[in-house]
Amino acid sequence: MSGISLAVAPRTEPDQTTKPQQQQQQSIMGGVMGSLRVIELQLVAFIMVFSASGLVPLLDLIFPAFVSAYLLALSRLAFPAHGSTSSGSQEIFQGSRFFRFYVVMGTTVGLFLPLAYVLGGFARGDEHAVRSATPHLFLLSFQILTENIISGLSLFSPPVRALVPLLYTVRRIFVIIDWIYDVWLNKTLPANAHLKDVAWFCFGRSLAVANLVYFSVNLFGFLIPQFLPRAFERYFREKDEIYSKVSEDKRSTAANTSQATAPGTKKSD
């Protein structure tokens, strides 16, 4: 969800020179991340069910459709895929162990804990908590679905795939700001609140702030300065390789043609 499906996707053609220990470590981490994606998709299906109950503003309902149409337009008009080169390794950013921990932490803060907060709001009858956090979960669910779908299709070039987490993160930061406004300014504790009510109140406030901090760092510290440039660098490198290959083939064809039509070969009687 921070670009996880596009950043650490397994290579389709692993390097044969990789040491067995490194291969085992990569397979373990790949299994962990793969299991995480399965859990994410299961939660997404659940999230989308109760998100369609009138708790999501109209603008956030329209946003996924706008992003999908915009990405399709970019893939056809601005950054078309390069055919054979795009069907290879789908990863854009090869993350380290720390990066994978960072992604797991983001999944916990951005998906699992907000989902627990919303379910707890349903159980406690706290409609304010449910309405505050649901738009964030709704947009995140569409981002996860889009990342998982688009990461396996050669139709979309690296820049188009990199824009998925970037566009959704920008929108969700504004949604999280509204969430913070709701739980910090529009919600107060009653004078006779119990200890569990105070804990629940503080949990909602802390969770909203944690999401704003994490996804702001993710946007300004990873997606914009690292992830997006890597995607464009790979795209234009593949484009240059294709142009160089086409030019070389044309020169070879021209040289063979000139040799075949060169004078000096006498016809036999």
Protein backbone atom coordinates (compact mmCIF):
# COMPACT_ATOMS: atom_id res chain seq x y z
CA MET A 1 0.00 0.00 0.00
CA SER A 2 3.02 2.24 0.16
CA GLY A 3 3.87 0.84 -3.23
CA ILE A 4 4.41 -2.62 -1.78
CA SER A 5 3.02 -4.61 -4.73
CA LEU A 6 5.10 -2.54 -7.13
CA ALA A 7 8.20 -2.05 -5.03
CA VAL A 8 9.04 -5.53 -3.79
CA ALA A 9 7.33 -7.78 -6.33
CA PRO A 10 9.28 -11.00 -6.91
CA ARG A 11 11.40 -11.17 -10.03
CA THR A 12 10.15 -13.39 -12.80
CA GLU A 13 13.69 -14.42 -13.68
CA PRO A 14 15.83 -14.74 -10.54
CA ASP A 15 19.56 -14.23 -10.82
CA GLN A 16 21.26 -17.59 -11.13
CA THR A 17 24.43 -16.28 -9.47
CA THR A 18 22.65 -15.44 -6.21
CA LYS A 19 23.97 -17.36 -3.24
CA PRO A 20 21.74 -20.11 -1.79
CA GLN A 21 21.53 -18.32 1.57
CA GLN A 22 20.40 -15.10 -0.10
CA GLN A 23 17.89 -17.02 -2.21
CA GLN A 24 16.47 -18.67 0.91
CA GLN A 25 16.23 -15.30 2.66
CA GLN A 26 14.47 -13.75 -0.35
CA SER A 27 12.03 -16.68 -0.56
CA ILE A 28 11.18 -16.31 3.14
CA MET A 29 10.62 -12.57 2.81
CA GLY A 30 8.64 -13.14 -0.39
CA GLY A 31 6.44 -15.63 1.44
CA VAL A 32 5.81 -13.17 4.25
CA MET A 33 4.95 -10.35 1.85
CA GLY A 34 2.78 -12.68 -0.24
CA SER A 35 0.84 -13.75 2.86
CA LEU A 36 0.48 -10.10 3.80
CA ARG A 37 -1.06 -9.34 0.40
CA VAL A 38 -3.55 -12.20 0.79
CA ILE A 39 -4.61 -10.86 4.19
CA GLU A 40 -4.87 -7.36 2.73
CA LEU A 41 -7.13 -8.52 -0.09
CA GLN A 42 -9.37 -10.43 2.31
CA LEU A 43 -9.72 -7.34 4.46
CA VAL A 44 -10.33 -5.18 1.41
CA ALA A 45 -13.38 -7.28 0.48
CA PHE A 46 -14.73 -6.80 3.99
CA ILE A 47 -13.95 -3.08 4.04
CA MET A 48 -15.70 -2.39 0.74
CA VAL A 49 -18.89 -4.03 2.02
CA PHE A 50 -19.45 -1.68 4.94
CA SER A 51 -17.88 1.27 3.12
CA ALA A 52 -20.81 1.21 0.70
CA SER A 53 -23.27 1.91 3.54
CA GLY A 54 -23.28 5.69 3.10
CA LEU A 55 -20.25 6.41 5.30
CA VAL A 56 -17.99 7.49 2.41
CA PRO A 57 -18.36 10.98 0.88
CA LEU A 58 -19.29 11.24 -2.78
CA LEU A 59 -15.90 12.73 -3.73
CA ASP A 60 -14.07 9.71 -2.29
CA LEU A 61 -16.47 7.35 -4.07
CA ILE A 62 -15.69 9.01 -7.41
CA PHE A 63 -11.94 9.28 -6.86
CA PRO A 64 -11.03 5.61 -7.67
CA ALA A 65 -12.94 5.85 -10.97
CA PHE A 66 -11.11 9.06 -11.87
CA VAL A 67 -7.70 7.53 -11.02
CA SER A 68 -8.42 4.38 -13.04
CA ALA A 69 -9.48 6.39 -16.11
CA TYR A 70 -6.46 8.69 -15.74
CA LEU A 71 -4.03 5.75 -15.49
CA LEU A 72 -5.54 4.11 -18.57
CA ALA A 73 -5.18 7.37 -20.50
CA LEU A 74 -1.54 7.73 -19.41
CA SER A 75 -0.79 4.15 -20.40
CA ARG A 76 -2.09 4.78 -23.91
CA LEU A 77 -1.10 8.40 -24.60
CA ALA A 78 1.85 9.46 -22.44
CA PHE A 79 3.75 6.41 -21.16
CA PRO A 80 2.88 3.35 -23.24
CA ALA A 81 4.46 0.06 -22.28
CA HIS A 82 7.45 -1.17 -24.27
CA GLY A 83 6.09 -4.58 -25.11
CA SER A 84 8.64 -7.30 -24.42
CA THR A 85 10.69 -5.34 -21.90
CA SER A 86 7.65 -4.63 -19.76
CA SER A 87 6.77 -8.30 -19.46
CA GLY A 88 9.93 -9.07 -17.53
CA SER A 89 10.66 -8.14 -13.96
CA GLN A 90 7.77 -6.07 -12.63
CA GLU A 91 9.56 -4.67 -9.61
CA ILE A 92 10.51 -1.00 -9.54
CA PHE A 93 12.26 -0.63 -6.19
CA GLN A 94 14.24 -3.52 -4.69
CA GLY A 95 13.69 -3.02 -0.97
CA SER A 96 15.97 -4.10 1.87
CA ARG A 97 14.94 -5.93 5.04
CA PHE A 98 14.41 -2.59 6.77
CA PHE A 99 12.18 -1.45 3.91
CA ARG A 100 10.03 -4.56 4.28
CA PHE A 101 9.73 -3.90 8.02
CA TYR A 102 8.73 -0.33 7.15
CA VAL A 103 6.01 -1.66 4.83
CA VAL A 104 4.69 -4.12 7.44
CA MET A 105 4.58 -1.30 9.98
CA GLY A 106 2.66 0.85 7.50
CA THR A 107 0.19 -1.96 6.85
CA THR A 108 -0.39 -2.30 10.58
CA VAL A 109 -0.81 1.44 11.17
CA GLY A 110 -2.72 2.17 7.98
CA LEU A 111 -4.93 -0.92 7.60
CA PHE A 112 -5.12 -3.30 10.55
CA LEU A 113 -5.44 -0.77 13.39
CA PRO A 114 -7.93 1.51 11.57
CA LEU A 115 -10.00 -1.57 10.76
CA ALA A 116 -9.95 -2.55 14.43
CA TYR A 117 -10.93 1.03 15.30
CA VAL A 118 -13.91 0.95 12.94
CA LEU A 119 -15.06 -2.47 14.15
CA GLY A 120 -14.66 -1.29 17.72
CA GLY A 121 -16.75 1.74 16.85
CA PHE A 122 -19.51 -0.53 15.55
CA ALA A 123 -19.36 -2.63 18.73
CA ARG A 124 -19.41 0.42 21.01
CA GLY A 125 -22.03 2.27 19.03
CA ASP A 126 -19.53 5.06 18.33
CA GLU A 127 -20.84 6.27 14.97
CA HIS A 128 -18.48 9.24 15.04
CA ALA A 129 -15.40 6.95 15.08
CA VAL A 130 -16.77 4.79 12.27
CA ARG A 131 -17.60 7.77 10.06
CA SER A 132 -14.20 9.40 10.68
CA ALA A 133 -11.99 6.44 9.72
CA THR A 134 -14.06 4.74 7.01
CA PRO A 135 -13.11 7.09 4.09
CA HIS A 136 -9.42 6.37 4.70
CA LEU A 137 -10.06 2.61 4.69
CA PHE A 138 -12.22 2.88 1.58
CA LEU A 139 -9.51 4.67 -0.43
CA LEU A 140 -6.80 2.37 0.92
CA SER A 141 -8.80 -0.68 -0.14
CA PHE A 142 -9.01 0.60 -3.70
CA GLN A 143 -5.31 1.42 -3.67
CA ILE A 144 -4.42 -2.12 -2.59
CA LEU A 145 -6.68 -3.64 -5.24
CA THR A 146 -5.25 -1.38 -7.95
CA GLU A 147 -1.65 -2.09 -6.94
CA ASN A 148 -2.20 -5.86 -6.91
CA ILE A 149 -3.97 -5.83 -10.28
CA ILE A 150 -1.68 -3.42 -12.07
CA SER A 151 1.55 -5.01 -10.83
CA GLY A 152 0.86 -8.17 -12.82
CA LEU A 153 -0.09 -6.54 -16.13
CA SER A 154 2.45 -5.63 -18.81
CA LEU A 155 -0.05 -3.10 -20.20
CA PHE A 156 1.13 -0.51 -17.67
CA SER A 157 4.62 0.98 -17.78
CA PRO A 158 6.68 1.69 -14.61
CA PRO A 159 5.74 5.42 -14.41
CA VAL A 160 2.03 4.61 -14.60
CA ARG A 161 2.35 1.90 -11.95
CA ALA A 162 4.34 4.22 -9.69
CA LEU A 163 1.60 6.85 -9.85
CA VAL A 164 -0.92 4.52 -8.20
CA PRO A 165 0.36 4.79 -4.61
CA LEU A 166 1.35 8.41 -5.15
CA LEU A 167 -2.10 9.60 -6.27
CA TYR A 168 -3.94 7.64 -3.61
CA THR A 169 -1.55 8.74 -0.86
CA VAL A 170 -1.97 12.41 -1.75
CA ARG A 171 -5.75 12.10 -1.54
CA ARG A 172 -5.67 10.04 1.66
CA ILE A 173 -3.50 12.62 3.43
CA PHE A 174 -6.33 15.14 3.02
CA VAL A 175 -8.81 12.52 4.24
CA ILE A 176 -6.63 11.77 7.27
CA ILE A 177 -6.46 15.49 8.05
CA ASP A 178 -10.27 15.50 8.16
CA TRP A 179 -10.08 12.44 10.41
CA ILE A 180 -7.75 14.29 12.79
CA TYR A 181 -10.06 17.30 12.77
CA ASP A 182 -13.00 15.08 13.70
CA VAL A 183 -11.36 13.25 16.61
CA TRP A 184 -9.40 16.20 18.00
CA LEU A 185 -11.83 19.10 17.61
CA ASN A 186 -15.30 17.66 17.05
CA LYS A 187 -15.22 14.91 19.65
CA THR A 188 -15.01 15.40 23.42
CA LEU A 189 -15.18 13.12 26.42
CA PRO A 190 -18.10 13.39 28.85
CA ALA A 191 -17.29 14.49 32.36
CA ASN A 192 -18.19 11.08 33.85
CA ALA A 193 -16.17 9.03 31.31
CA HIS A 194 -14.79 5.69 32.46
CA LEU A 195 -11.18 4.59 32.05
CA LYS A 196 -11.99 2.41 29.03
CA ASP A 197 -13.72 5.36 27.37
CA VAL A 198 -10.64 7.51 27.94
CA ALA A 199 -8.41 4.76 26.48
CA TRP A 200 -10.67 4.45 23.44
CA PHE A 201 -10.69 8.22 22.98
CA CYS A 202 -6.90 8.44 23.16
CA PHE A 203 -6.51 5.45 20.82
CA GLY A 204 -8.58 7.17 18.13
CA ARG A 205 -6.60 10.40 18.39
CA SER A 206 -3.21 8.64 18.40
CA LEU A 207 -4.16 6.45 15.44
CA ALA A 208 -5.19 9.40 13.31
CA VAL A 209 -1.93 11.23 14.05
CA ALA A 210 0.13 8.08 13.42
CA ASN A 211 -1.46 7.65 9.99
CA LEU A 212 -0.78 11.27 9.06
CA VAL A 213 2.87 10.99 10.14
CA TYR A 214 3.49 7.67 8.39
CA PHE A 215 1.89 8.51 5.06
CA SER A 216 3.39 12.00 4.99
CA VAL A 217 6.85 10.47 5.46
CA ASN A 218 5.98 7.83 2.87
CA LEU A 219 4.94 10.47 0.33
CA PHE A 220 7.70 13.03 0.83
CA GLY A 221 10.49 10.66 1.88
CA PHE A 222 9.95 7.64 -0.38
CA LEU A 223 7.38 7.93 -3.16
CA ILE A 224 8.42 11.32 -4.57
CA PRO A 225 12.23 11.34 -4.09
CA GLN A 226 12.93 7.61 -4.62
CA PHE A 227 10.09 5.52 -6.02
CA LEU A 228 8.90 7.81 -8.82
CA PRO A 229 12.41 8.67 -10.14
CA ARG A 230 13.32 4.96 -10.21
CA ALA A 231 10.21 4.27 -12.28
CA PHE A 232 11.01 6.98 -14.84
CA GLU A 233 14.67 5.94 -14.94
CA ARG A 234 13.74 2.37 -15.74
CA TYR A 235 11.15 3.43 -18.30
CA PHE A 236 13.49 5.66 -20.30
CA ARG A 237 16.35 3.15 -20.04
CA GLU A 238 14.13 0.48 -21.58
CA LYS A 239 13.01 2.98 -24.22
CA ASP A 240 16.62 3.82 -25.13
CA GLU A 241 17.48 0.13 -25.33
CA ILE A 242 14.63 -0.47 -27.76
CA TYR A 243 15.60 2.48 -29.94
CA SER A 244 19.24 1.36 -29.96
CA LYS A 245 18.24 -2.15 -30.97
CA VAL A 246 15.96 -0.88 -33.74
CA SER A 247 18.70 1.43 -35.07
CA GLU A 248 21.22 -1.41 -35.03
CA ASP A 249 18.84 -3.69 -36.91
CA LYS A 250 18.27 -0.98 -39.52
CA ARG A 251 22.01 -0.49 -40.00
CA SER A 252 22.54 -4.23 -40.33
CA THR A 253 19.73 -4.49 -42.89
CA ALA A 254 21.10 -1.54 -44.87
CA ALA A 255 24.62 -3.02 -44.86
CA ASN A 256 23.39 -6.40 -46.10
CA THR A 257 21.34 -4.72 -48.81
CA SER A 258 24.28 -2.63 -50.05
CA GLN A 259 26.54 -5.68 -50.17
CA ALA A 260 23.97 -7.61 -52.19
CA THR A 261 23.60 -4.80 -54.77
CA ALA A 262 27.28 -3.80 -54.97
CA PRO A 263 28.85 -3.99 -58.54
CA GLY A 264 31.87 -6.16 -59.32
CA THR A 265 30.31 -9.57 -59.51
CA LYS A 266 30.24 -10.88 -63.07
CA LYS A 267 27.46 -13.06 -64.28
CA SER A 268 28.60 -16.44 -65.59
CA ASP A 269 27.91 -17.30 -69.22
